[in-house]
Amino acid sequence: MITIIKKGVKMRLFILTLCAVSFAFSKPNIPVTNFKAKIHEVAGKSGAFARHENFPKGYFLIPFNLPYLAGLTLHHPKSSTLELSKEQIKKIVDIKKKTVPTVLKIAKKIKTLELEIAEEISLKYKSVKAKKLYAKVDEVSKLRTKLTKAHLKCIEEVKTVLTEKQYNKLLKYAVINK
């Protein structure tokens, strides 16, 4: 009986080792080149009170609790483990090419409005009354909602390209807090 248990343990260790080795040799489907530099250029200077800006992700209505599937399927270091076909990669790249410019444009509008609000009320002792800024705040709210809806649509579109098996594999490397 002990021999059987030892064989079972050895088999599990062997399987875990194979998984670890396969992940160790995994790589992104498409390496990220100077994308971050381009994003930084679009984002422009951070606001006076923005210690750690995450442009454009920080401008979504739901910035932390939704996955960024295009990036996870194309650029994540383990994305090659999804074994996407060339056709799947092309479809996801097309989704990204369609979505990213919209996201950047809306996020830039949000940031501009937020900086205007900060300038008008925060950076001078004598400033406008808060009530005068409510329309801009409402506009920020509408834009964040629009941005998040574009994000939801992107998630939905990328999921239609993946098989259920690929999506479940993606979740294994993408989900941080289980």
Foldseek 3Di string as FASTA:
>chain_A
DVVVVVVVVVVVVVVVVVVVVLLVPAAFQAADDCPVVVQDVLQDDAAPPCPDDDPPLVLAPDSPDDDQVLCLCGHPGRNVVLVADPVLVVQSVVLCVVLVVVSSVLSNLLRVLVNVLCVQPPPDPDHDDPVVSVVSVVVSVVSNHVNVVSSVVSVVSNVVSGDPVSVVVSCVVGPDDD
